[in-house]
Amino acid sequence: MQKALCRRGCFIGFDRQGNPGDEQQVPMVMALLEAGFVNNLMFSSDLSFLPQTKHGGGPGYAQMLTVFVPKLKAAGATDEQLHTIMVDNPLRFLAYVPKKPRGG
């Protein structure tokens, strides 16, 4: 499903990394990278409970960088690919300007 969406130009976002769900997310990211969809991936990080924050004793927002990215590197993701996902793709996504309607 994700590959079909990537072929259509969609971004695929991965969220809530650094927990047991990584066992599924790391292979999914690697499969998309191997299929050539580095330009379609983005990572995000959010927290919804105080215990997830550094202040509340949890790993905090940096968990994506401190836990998930090292797992991807160990699985074979390159620094160049990770830069594309974490820097270039969000810049492109946030710079999107919708086309004006034709005619009318």
PDB file of N, CA and C in Angstrom:
ATOM      1  N   MET A   1       0.814  -1.188   0.000  1.00  0.00           N
ATOM      2  CA  MET A   1       0.000   0.000   0.000  1.00  0.00           C
ATOM      3  C   MET A   1       0.862   1.259   0.000  1.00  0.00           C
ATOM      4  N   GLN A   2       1.910   1.281   0.861  1.00  0.00           N
ATOM      5  CA  GLN A   2       2.745   2.473   0.934  1.00  0.00           C
ATOM      6  C   GLN A   2       3.452   2.746  -0.395  1.00  0.00           C
ATOM      7  N   LYS A   3       3.916   1.690  -1.060  1.00  0.00           N
ATOM      8  CA  LYS A   3       4.615   1.877  -2.339  1.00  0.00           C
ATOM      9  C   LYS A   3       3.669   2.457  -3.388  1.00  0.00           C
ATOM     10  N   ALA A   4       2.427   1.996  -3.398  1.00  0.00           N
ATOM     11  CA  ALA A   4       1.445   2.526  -4.354  1.00  0.00           C
ATOM     12  C   ALA A   4       1.207   4.013  -4.104  1.00  0.00           C
ATOM     13  N   LEU A   5       1.137   4.403  -2.842  1.00  0.00           N
ATOM     14  CA  LEU A   5       0.963   5.823  -2.513  1.00  0.00           C
ATOM     15  C   LEU A   5       2.185   6.636  -2.924  1.00  0.00           C
ATOM     16  N   CYS A   6       3.374   6.091  -2.684  1.00  0.00           N
ATOM     17  CA  CYS A   6       4.606   6.783  -3.096  1.00  0.00           C
ATOM     18  C   CYS A   6       4.646   6.983  -4.600  1.00  0.00           C
ATOM     19  N   ARG A   7       4.224   5.974  -5.354  1.00  0.00           N
ATOM     20  CA  ARG A   7       4.222   6.100  -6.817  1.00  0.00           C
ATOM     21  C   ARG A   7       3.323   7.252  -7.270  1.00  0.00           C
ATOM     22  N   ARG A   8       2.310   7.562  -6.490  1.00  0.00           N
ATOM     23  CA  ARG A   8       1.394   8.659  -6.825  1.00  0.00           C
ATOM     24  C   ARG A   8       1.912  10.004  -6.329  1.00  0.00           C
ATOM     25  N   GLY A   9       3.074   9.999  -5.646  1.00  0.00           N
ATOM     26  CA  GLY A   9       3.686  11.241  -5.192  1.00  0.00           C
ATOM     27  C   GLY A   9       3.394  11.608  -3.752  1.00  0.00           C
ATOM     28  N   CYS A  10       2.740  10.729  -3.027  1.00  0.00           N
ATOM     29  CA  CYS A  10       2.397  11.009  -1.626  1.00  0.00           C
ATOM     30  C   CYS A  10       3.616  10.896  -0.719  1.00  0.00           C
ATOM     31  N   PHE A  11       3.547  11.590   0.404  1.00  0.00           N
ATOM     32  CA  PHE A  11       4.509  11.401   1.474  1.00  0.00           C
ATOM     33  C   PHE A  11       3.967  10.334   2.416  1.00  0.00           C
ATOM     34  N   ILE A  12       4.855   9.502   2.920  1.00  0.00           N
ATOM     35  CA  ILE A  12       4.512   8.512   3.931  1.00  0.00           C
ATOM     36  C   ILE A  12       5.199   8.962   5.212  1.00  0.00           C
ATOM     37  N   GLY A  13       4.428   9.165   6.262  1.00  0.00           N
ATOM     38  CA  GLY A  13       4.976   9.625   7.530  1.00  0.00           C
ATOM     39  C   GLY A  13       5.081   8.497   8.538  1.00  0.00           C
ATOM     40  N   PHE A  14       6.166   8.491   9.272  1.00  0.00           N
ATOM     41  CA  PHE A  14       6.370   7.526  10.352  1.00  0.00           C
ATOM     42  C   PHE A  14       6.458   8.302  11.655  1.00  0.00           C
ATOM     43  N   ASP A  15       5.702   7.873  12.632  1.00  0.00           N
ATOM     44  CA  ASP A  15       5.568   8.599  13.888  1.00  0.00           C
ATOM     45  C   ASP A  15       5.717   7.626  15.055  1.00  0.00           C
ATOM     46  N   ARG A  16       5.964   8.198  16.230  1.00  0.00           N
ATOM     47  CA  ARG A  16       6.042   7.444  17.484  1.00  0.00           C
ATOM     48  C   ARG A  16       7.131   6.384  17.458  1.00  0.00           C
ATOM     49  N   GLN A  17       8.328   6.786  17.087  1.00  0.00           N
ATOM     50  CA  GLN A  17       9.452   5.867  17.045  1.00  0.00           C
ATOM     51  C   GLN A  17      10.097   5.736  18.413  1.00  0.00           C
ATOM     52  N   GLY A  18      10.972   4.731  18.510  1.00  0.00           N
ATOM     53  CA  GLY A  18      11.724   4.521  19.733  1.00  0.00           C
ATOM     54  C   GLY A  18      10.992   3.666  20.737  1.00  0.00           C
ATOM     55  N   ASN A  19      10.126   2.806  20.255  1.00  0.00           N
ATOM     56  CA  ASN A  19       9.380   1.909  21.139  1.00  0.00           C
ATOM     57  C   ASN A  19       9.245   0.555  20.448  1.00  0.00           C
ATOM     58  N   PRO A  20       8.506  -0.387  21.034  1.00  0.00           N
ATOM     59  CA  PRO A  20       8.392  -1.707  20.396  1.00  0.00           C
ATOM     60  C   PRO A  20       7.848  -1.676  18.964  1.00  0.00           C
ATOM     61  N   GLY A  21       7.120  -0.622  18.590  1.00  0.00           N
ATOM     62  CA  GLY A  21       6.619  -0.506  17.223  1.00  0.00           C
ATOM     63  C   GLY A  21       7.722  -0.380  16.182  1.00  0.00           C
ATOM     64  N   ASP A  22       8.939  -0.064  16.622  1.00  0.00           N
ATOM     65  CA  ASP A  22      10.075   0.041  15.697  1.00  0.00           C
ATOM     66  C   ASP A  22      10.335  -1.272  14.978  1.00  0.00           C
ATOM     67  N   GLU A  23       9.979  -2.374  15.615  1.00  0.00           N
ATOM     68  CA  GLU A  23      10.194  -3.680  14.988  1.00  0.00           C
ATOM     69  C   GLU A  23       9.440  -3.785  13.669  1.00  0.00           C
ATOM     70  N   GLN A  24       8.356  -3.049  13.533  1.00  0.00           N
ATOM     71  CA  GLN A  24       7.606  -3.016  12.275  1.00  0.00           C
ATOM     72  C   GLN A  24       8.033  -1.839  11.415  1.00  0.00           C
ATOM     73  N   GLN A  25       8.314  -0.686  12.041  1.00  0.00           N
ATOM     74  CA  GLN A  25       8.620   0.516  11.268  1.00  0.00           C
ATOM     75  C   GLN A  25       9.969   0.448  10.566  1.00  0.00           C
ATOM     76  N   VAL A  26      10.994  -0.072  11.230  1.00  0.00           N
ATOM     77  CA  VAL A  26      12.320  -0.121  10.600  1.00  0.00           C
ATOM     78  C   VAL A  26      12.277  -0.920   9.295  1.00  0.00           C
ATOM     79  N   PRO A  27      11.724  -2.137   9.274  1.00  0.00           N
ATOM     80  CA  PRO A  27      11.657  -2.863   7.993  1.00  0.00           C
ATOM     81  C   PRO A  27      10.803  -2.155   6.942  1.00  0.00           C
ATOM     82  N   MET A  28       9.748  -1.470   7.379  1.00  0.00           N
ATOM     83  CA  MET A  28       8.917  -0.746   6.412  1.00  0.00           C
ATOM     84  C   MET A  28       9.699   0.399   5.780  1.00  0.00           C
ATOM     85  N   VAL A  29      10.422   1.168   6.600  1.00  0.00           N
ATOM     86  CA  VAL A  29      11.236   2.262   6.065  1.00  0.00           C
ATOM     87  C   VAL A  29      12.301   1.707   5.129  1.00  0.00           C
ATOM     88  N   MET A  30      12.980   0.657   5.556  1.00  0.00           N
ATOM     89  CA  MET A  30      14.051   0.093   4.730  1.00  0.00           C
ATOM     90  C   MET A  30      13.514  -0.434   3.394  1.00  0.00           C
ATOM     91  N   ALA A  31      12.345  -1.050   3.407  1.00  0.00           N
ATOM     92  CA  ALA A  31      11.753  -1.544   2.157  1.00  0.00           C
ATOM     93  C   ALA A  31      11.443  -0.384   1.213  1.00  0.00           C
ATOM     94  N   LEU A  32      10.955   0.727   1.750  1.00  0.00           N
ATOM     95  CA  LEU A  32      10.668   1.894   0.911  1.00  0.00           C
ATOM     96  C   LEU A  32      11.957   2.530   0.394  1.00  0.00           C
ATOM     97  N   LEU A  33      12.994   2.550   1.211  1.00  0.00           N
ATOM     98  CA  LEU A  33      14.289   3.071   0.750  1.00  0.00           C
ATOM     99  C   LEU A  33      14.844   2.195  -0.362  1.00  0.00           C
ATOM    100  N   GLU A  34      14.791   0.893  -0.176  1.00  0.00           N
ATOM    101  CA  GLU A  34      15.303  -0.040  -1.184  1.00  0.00           C
ATOM    102  C   GLU A  34      14.513   0.058  -2.483  1.00  0.00           C
ATOM    103  N   ALA A  35      13.245   0.437  -2.395  1.00  0.00           N
ATOM    104  CA  ALA A  35      12.414   0.589  -3.591  1.00  0.00           C
ATOM    105  C   ALA A  35      12.605   1.956  -4.245  1.00  0.00           C
ATOM    106  N   GLY A  36      13.448   2.814  -3.651  1.00  0.00           N
ATOM    107  CA  GLY A  36      13.753   4.100  -4.267  1.00  0.00           C
ATOM    108  C   GLY A  36      12.838   5.246  -3.875  1.00  0.00           C
ATOM    109  N   PHE A  37      12.146   5.128  -2.752  1.00  0.00           N
ATOM    110  CA  PHE A  37      11.183   6.152  -2.358  1.00  0.00           C
ATOM    111  C   PHE A  37      11.692   7.076  -1.250  1.00  0.00           C
ATOM    112  N   VAL A  38      12.987   7.336  -1.199  1.00  0.00           N
ATOM    113  CA  VAL A  38      13.548   8.202  -0.164  1.00  0.00           C
ATOM    114  C   VAL A  38      12.911   9.588  -0.177  1.00  0.00           C
ATOM    115  N   ASN A  39      12.519  10.071  -1.350  1.00  0.00           N
ATOM    116  CA  ASN A  39      11.926  11.411  -1.468  1.00  0.00           C
ATOM    117  C   ASN A  39      10.474  11.476  -1.006  1.00  0.00           C
ATOM    118  N   ASN A  40       9.918  10.343  -0.594  1.00  0.00           N
ATOM    119  CA  ASN A  40       8.519  10.292  -0.180  1.00  0.00           C
ATOM    120  C   ASN A  40       8.340  10.025   1.315  1.00  0.00           C
ATOM    121  N   LEU A  41       9.421   9.996   2.068  1.00  0.00           N
ATOM    122  CA  LEU A  41       9.338   9.624   3.481  1.00  0.00           C
ATOM    123  C   LEU A  41       9.568  10.818   4.390  1.00  0.00           C
ATOM    124  N   MET A  42       8.869  10.823   5.525  1.00  0.00           N
ATOM    125  CA  MET A  42       9.095  11.818   6.570  1.00  0.00           C
ATOM    126  C   MET A  42       8.904  11.145   7.918  1.00  0.00           C
ATOM    127  N   PHE A  43       9.614  11.676   8.908  1.00  0.00           N
ATOM    128  CA  PHE A  43       9.476  11.201  10.278  1.00  0.00           C
ATOM    129  C   PHE A  43       8.887  12.330  11.109  1.00  0.00           C
ATOM    130  N   SER A  44       8.133  11.958  12.125  1.00  0.00           N
ATOM    131  CA  SER A  44       7.630  12.961  13.046  1.00  0.00           C
ATOM    132  C   SER A  44       7.700  12.398  14.450  1.00  0.00           C
ATOM    133  N   SER A  45       7.506  13.260  15.389  1.00  0.00           N
ATOM    134  CA  SER A  45       7.560  12.849  16.783  1.00  0.00           C
ATOM    135  C   SER A  45       6.556  13.687  17.553  1.00  0.00           C
ATOM    136  N   ASP A  46       5.707  13.023  18.280  1.00  0.00           N
ATOM    137  CA  ASP A  46       4.779  13.761  19.112  1.00  0.00           C
ATOM    138  C   ASP A  46       4.635  13.060  20.449  1.00  0.00           C
ATOM    139  N   LEU A  47       4.173  13.803  21.389  1.00  0.00           N
ATOM    140  CA  LEU A  47       3.950  13.282  22.733  1.00  0.00           C
ATOM    141  C   LEU A  47       2.565  13.714  23.168  1.00  0.00           C
ATOM    142  N   SER A  48       1.900  12.860  23.943  1.00  0.00           N
ATOM    143  CA  SER A  48       0.560  13.231  24.389  1.00  0.00           C
ATOM    144  C   SER A  48       0.383  13.133  25.896  1.00  0.00           C
ATOM    145  N   PHE A  49       1.389  12.631  26.584  1.00  0.00           N
ATOM    146  CA  PHE A  49       1.287  12.482  28.027  1.00  0.00           C
ATOM    147  C   PHE A  49       2.554  12.991  28.698  1.00  0.00           C
ATOM    148  N   LEU A  50       2.413  13.619  29.833  1.00  0.00           N
ATOM    149  CA  LEU A  50       3.558  14.140  30.580  1.00  0.00           C
ATOM    150  C   LEU A  50       4.645  13.082  30.794  1.00  0.00           C
ATOM    151  N   PRO A  51       4.316  11.828  31.119  1.00  0.00           N
ATOM    152  CA  PRO A  51       5.372  10.839  31.330  1.00  0.00           C
ATOM    153  C   PRO A  51       6.229  10.553  30.086  1.00  0.00           C
ATOM    154  N   GLN A  52       5.785  10.971  28.909  1.00  0.00           N
ATOM    155  CA  GLN A  52       6.576  10.788  27.688  1.00  0.00           C
ATOM    156  C   GLN A  52       7.616  11.894  27.519  1.00  0.00           C
ATOM    157  N   THR A  53       7.443  13.002  28.230  1.00  0.00           N
ATOM    158  CA  THR A  53       8.364  14.132  28.102  1.00  0.00           C
ATOM    159  C   THR A  53       9.596  13.923  28.970  1.00  0.00           C
ATOM    160  N   LYS A  54      10.668  14.640  28.662  1.00  0.00           N
ATOM    161  CA  LYS A  54      11.862  14.597  29.506  1.00  0.00           C
ATOM    162  C   LYS A  54      11.505  15.033  30.925  1.00  0.00           C
ATOM    163  N   HIS A  55      10.724  16.111  31.037  1.00  0.00           N
ATOM    164  CA  HIS A  55      10.308  16.634  32.342  1.00  0.00           C
ATOM    165  C   HIS A  55       9.544  15.577  33.139  1.00  0.00           C
ATOM    166  N   GLY A  56       8.786  14.746  32.436  1.00  0.00           N
ATOM    167  CA  GLY A  56       7.995  13.711  33.095  1.00  0.00           C
ATOM    168  C   GLY A  56       8.724  12.387  33.258  1.00  0.00           C
ATOM    169  N   GLY A  57      10.016  12.368  32.912  1.00  0.00           N
ATOM    170  CA  GLY A  57      10.806  11.151  33.082  1.00  0.00           C
ATOM    171  C   GLY A  57      10.901  10.264  31.858  1.00  0.00           C
ATOM    172  N   GLY A  58      10.292  10.693  30.750  1.00  0.00           N
ATOM    173  CA  GLY A  58      10.326   9.892  29.526  1.00  0.00           C
ATOM    174  C   GLY A  58      11.469  10.285  28.600  1.00  0.00           C
ATOM    175  N   PRO A  59      11.486   9.722  27.407  1.00  0.00           N
ATOM    176  CA  PRO A  59      12.572   9.984  26.465  1.00  0.00           C
ATOM    177  C   PRO A  59      12.494  11.340  25.780  1.00  0.00           C
ATOM    178  N   GLY A  60      11.318  11.943  25.708  1.00  0.00           N
ATOM    179  CA  GLY A  60      11.174  13.254  25.087  1.00  0.00           C
ATOM    180  C   GLY A  60      11.134  13.194  23.566  1.00  0.00           C
ATOM    181  N   TYR A  61      11.084  14.397  22.980  1.00  0.00           N
ATOM    182  CA  TYR A  61      10.976  14.517  21.524  1.00  0.00           C
ATOM    183  C   TYR A  61      12.202  13.981  20.787  1.00  0.00           C
ATOM    184  N   ALA A  62      13.346  13.977  21.410  1.00  0.00           N
ATOM    185  CA  ALA A  62      14.584  13.551  20.739  1.00  0.00           C
ATOM    186  C   ALA A  62      14.626  12.054  20.467  1.00  0.00           C
ATOM    187  N   GLN A  63      13.653  11.323  20.951  1.00  0.00           N
ATOM    188  CA  GLN A  63      13.651   9.866  20.800  1.00  0.00           C
ATOM    189  C   GLN A  63      13.792   9.432  19.347  1.00  0.00           C
ATOM    190  N   MET A  64      13.202  10.167  18.423  1.00  0.00           N
ATOM    191  CA  MET A  64      13.340   9.824  17.012  1.00  0.00           C
ATOM    192  C   MET A  64      14.810   9.848  16.594  1.00  0.00           C
ATOM    193  N   LEU A  65      15.543  10.874  17.057  1.00  0.00           N
ATOM    194  CA  LEU A  65      16.956  11.000  16.691  1.00  0.00           C
ATOM    195  C   LEU A  65      17.866  10.082  17.498  1.00  0.00           C
ATOM    196  N   THR A  66      17.536   9.872  18.762  1.00  0.00           N
ATOM    197  CA  THR A  66      18.439   9.118  19.625  1.00  0.00           C
ATOM    198  C   THR A  66      18.205   7.618  19.602  1.00  0.00           C
ATOM    199  N   VAL A  67      17.007   7.193  19.200  1.00  0.00           N
ATOM    200  CA  VAL A  67      16.687   5.765  19.209  1.00  0.00           C
ATOM    201  C   VAL A  67      16.391   5.234  17.803  1.00  0.00           C
ATOM    202  N   PHE A  68      15.474   5.903  17.091  1.00  0.00           N
ATOM    203  CA  PHE A  68      15.009   5.373  15.805  1.00  0.00           C
ATOM    204  C   PHE A  68      16.062   5.500  14.703  1.00  0.00           C
ATOM    205  N   VAL A  69      16.674   6.664  14.570  1.00  0.00           N
ATOM    206  CA  VAL A  69      17.677   6.862  13.513  1.00  0.00           C
ATOM    207  C   VAL A  69      18.843   5.882  13.663  1.00  0.00           C
ATOM    208  N   PRO A  70      19.377   5.646  14.870  1.00  0.00           N
ATOM    209  CA  PRO A  70      20.433   4.634  14.984  1.00  0.00           C
ATOM    210  C   PRO A  70      19.981   3.233  14.553  1.00  0.00           C
ATOM    211  N   LYS A  71      18.719   2.896  14.795  1.00  0.00           N
ATOM    212  CA  LYS A  71      18.208   1.598  14.338  1.00  0.00           C
ATOM    213  C   LYS A  71      18.193   1.535  12.816  1.00  0.00           C
ATOM    214  N   LEU A  72      17.807   2.650  12.167  1.00  0.00           N
ATOM    215  CA  LEU A  72      17.814   2.679  10.700  1.00  0.00           C
ATOM    216  C   LEU A  72      19.234   2.583  10.160  1.00  0.00           C
ATOM    217  N   LYS A  73      20.171   3.281  10.796  1.00  0.00           N
ATOM    218  CA  LYS A  73      21.573   3.196  10.367  1.00  0.00           C
ATOM    219  C   LYS A  73      22.077   1.762  10.490  1.00  0.00           C
ATOM    220  N   ALA A  74      21.747   1.100  11.591  1.00  0.00           N
ATOM    221  CA  ALA A  74      22.161  -0.289  11.791  1.00  0.00           C
ATOM    222  C   ALA A  74      21.546  -1.207  10.742  1.00  0.00           C
ATOM    223  N   ALA A  75      20.376  -0.833  10.248  1.00  0.00           N
ATOM    224  CA  ALA A  75      19.699  -1.632   9.214  1.00  0.00           C
ATOM    225  C   ALA A  75      20.217  -1.318   7.817  1.00  0.00           C
ATOM    226  N   GLY A  76      21.058  -0.255   7.690  1.00  0.00           N
ATOM    227  CA  GLY A  76      21.655   0.042   6.388  1.00  0.00           C
ATOM    228  C   GLY A  76      21.299   1.377   5.773  1.00  0.00           C
ATOM    229  N   ALA A  77      20.499   2.191   6.438  1.00  0.00           N
ATOM    230  CA  ALA A  77      20.167   3.518   5.894  1.00  0.00           C
ATOM    231  C   ALA A  77      21.426   4.389   5.923  1.00  0.00           C
ATOM    232  N   THR A  78      21.624   5.167   4.869  1.00  0.00           N
ATOM    233  CA  THR A  78      22.807   6.026   4.788  1.00  0.00           C
ATOM    234  C   THR A  78      22.521   7.397   5.387  1.00  0.00           C
ATOM    235  N   ASP A  79      23.601   8.107   5.709  1.00  0.00           N
ATOM    236  CA  ASP A  79      23.452   9.477   6.213  1.00  0.00           C
ATOM    237  C   ASP A  79      22.759  10.352   5.176  1.00  0.00           C
ATOM    238  N   GLU A  80      23.074  10.138   3.906  1.00  0.00           N
ATOM    239  CA  GLU A  80      22.454  10.920   2.836  1.00  0.00           C
ATOM    240  C   GLU A  80      20.945  10.671   2.788  1.00  0.00           C
ATOM    241  N   GLN A  81      20.532   9.421   2.889  1.00  0.00           N
ATOM    242  CA  GLN A  81      19.105   9.104   2.892  1.00  0.00           C
ATOM    243  C   GLN A  81      18.409   9.736   4.091  1.00  0.00           C
ATOM    244  N   LEU A  82      19.024   9.639   5.249  1.00  0.00           N
ATOM    245  CA  LEU A  82      18.419  10.193   6.459  1.00  0.00           C
ATOM    246  C   LEU A  82      18.333  11.712   6.391  1.00  0.00           C
ATOM    247  N   HIS A  83      19.319  12.358   5.793  1.00  0.00           N
ATOM    248  CA  HIS A  83      19.260  13.811   5.608  1.00  0.00           C
ATOM    249  C   HIS A  83      18.097  14.177   4.688  1.00  0.00           C
ATOM    250  N   THR A  84      17.933  13.418   3.625  1.00  0.00           N
ATOM    251  CA  THR A  84      16.819  13.670   2.707  1.00  0.00           C
ATOM    252  C   THR A  84      15.490  13.562   3.441  1.00  0.00           C
ATOM    253  N   ILE A  85      15.342  12.515   4.251  1.00  0.00           N
ATOM    254  CA  ILE A  85      14.080  12.281   4.953  1.00  0.00           C
ATOM    255  C   ILE A  85      13.819  13.345   6.016  1.00  0.00           C
ATOM    256  N   MET A  86      14.855  13.714   6.760  1.00  0.00           N
ATOM    257  CA  MET A  86      14.650  14.589   7.917  1.00  0.00           C
ATOM    258  C   MET A  86      14.811  16.077   7.627  1.00  0.00           C
ATOM    259  N   VAL A  87      15.440  16.429   6.494  1.00  0.00           N
ATOM    260  CA  VAL A  87      15.661  17.845   6.184  1.00  0.00           C
ATOM    261  C   VAL A  87      15.020  18.226   4.850  1.00  0.00           C
ATOM    262  N   ASP A  88      15.436  17.573   3.783  1.00  0.00           N
ATOM    263  CA  ASP A  88      14.980  17.971   2.452  1.00  0.00           C
ATOM    264  C   ASP A  88      13.477  17.751   2.244  1.00  0.00           C
ATOM    265  N   ASN A  89      12.980  16.582   2.647  1.00  0.00           N
ATOM    266  CA  ASN A  89      11.561  16.295   2.417  1.00  0.00           C
ATOM    267  C   ASN A  89      10.634  17.223   3.193  1.00  0.00           C
ATOM    268  N   PRO A  90      10.893  17.487   4.489  1.00  0.00           N
ATOM    269  CA  PRO A  90      10.028  18.451   5.176  1.00  0.00           C
ATOM    270  C   PRO A  90      10.079  19.847   4.551  1.00  0.00           C
ATOM    271  N   LEU A  91      11.256  20.258   4.063  1.00  0.00           N
ATOM    272  CA  LEU A  91      11.342  21.569   3.396  1.00  0.00           C
ATOM    273  C   LEU A  91      10.453  21.611   2.162  1.00  0.00           C
ATOM    274  N   ARG A  92      10.495  20.549   1.368  1.00  0.00           N
ATOM    275  CA  ARG A  92       9.638  20.493   0.173  1.00  0.00           C
ATOM    276  C   ARG A  92       8.165  20.466   0.554  1.00  0.00           C
ATOM    277  N   PHE A  93       7.840  19.672   1.550  1.00  0.00           N
ATOM    278  CA  PHE A  93       6.453  19.547   1.983  1.00  0.00           C
ATOM    279  C   PHE A  93       5.905  20.880   2.495  1.00  0.00           C
ATOM    280  N   LEU A  94       6.678  21.555   3.323  1.00  0.00           N
ATOM    281  CA  LEU A  94       6.218  22.813   3.918  1.00  0.00           C
ATOM    282  C   LEU A  94       6.227  23.979   2.933  1.00  0.00           C
ATOM    283  N   ALA A  95       6.964  23.842   1.842  1.00  0.00           N
ATOM    284  CA  ALA A  95       7.009  24.899   0.831  1.00  0.00           C
ATOM    285  C   ALA A  95       5.913  24.741  -0.217  1.00  0.00           C
ATOM    286  N   TYR A  96       5.077  23.723  -0.088  1.00  0.00           N
ATOM    287  CA  TYR A  96       4.031  23.449  -1.067  1.00  0.00           C
ATOM    288  C   TYR A  96       3.076  24.633  -1.193  1.00  0.00           C
ATOM    289  N   VAL A  97       2.803  25.012  -2.418  1.00  0.00           N
ATOM    290  CA  VAL A  97       1.824  26.037  -2.712  1.00  0.00           C
ATOM    291  C   VAL A  97       0.807  25.425  -3.655  1.00  0.00           C
ATOM    292  N   PRO A  98      -0.459  25.330  -3.243  1.00  0.00           N
ATOM    293  CA  PRO A  98      -1.460  24.722  -4.108  1.00  0.00           C
ATOM    294  C   PRO A  98      -1.639  25.499  -5.405  1.00  0.00           C
ATOM    295  N   LYS A  99      -1.961  24.773  -6.446  1.00  0.00           N
ATOM    296  CA  LYS A  99      -2.231  25.411  -7.734  1.00  0.00           C
ATOM    297  C   LYS A  99      -3.544  26.178  -7.647  1.00  0.00           C
ATOM    298  N   LYS A 100      -3.588  27.301  -8.356  1.00  0.00           N
ATOM    299  CA  LYS A 100      -4.819  28.067  -8.408  1.00  0.00           C
ATOM    300  C   LYS A 100      -5.789  27.354  -9.349  1.00  0.00           C
ATOM    301  N   PRO A 101      -7.074  27.413  -9.042  1.00  0.00           N
ATOM    302  CA  PRO A 101      -8.048  26.761  -9.924  1.00  0.00           C
ATOM    303  C   PRO A 101      -8.010  27.360 -11.326  1.00  0.00           C
ATOM    304  N   ARG A 102      -8.193  26.513 -12.305  1.00  0.00           N
ATOM    305  CA  ARG A 102      -8.223  26.997 -13.697  1.00  0.00           C
ATOM    306  C   ARG A 102      -9.601  27.555 -14.024  1.00  0.00           C
ATOM    307  N   GLY A 103      -9.589  28.430 -14.978  1.00  0.00           N
ATOM    308  CA  GLY A 103     -10.865  28.975 -15.465  1.00  0.00           C
ATOM    309  C   GLY A 103     -11.607  29.749 -14.394  1.00  0.00           C
ATOM    310  N   GLY A 104     -12.866  29.620 -14.378  1.00  0.00           N
ATOM    311  CA  GLY A 104     -13.793  30.128 -13.461  1.00  0.00           C
ATOM    312  C   GLY A 104     -13.594  31.353 -12.761  1.00  0.00           C
TER     313      GLY A 104
END
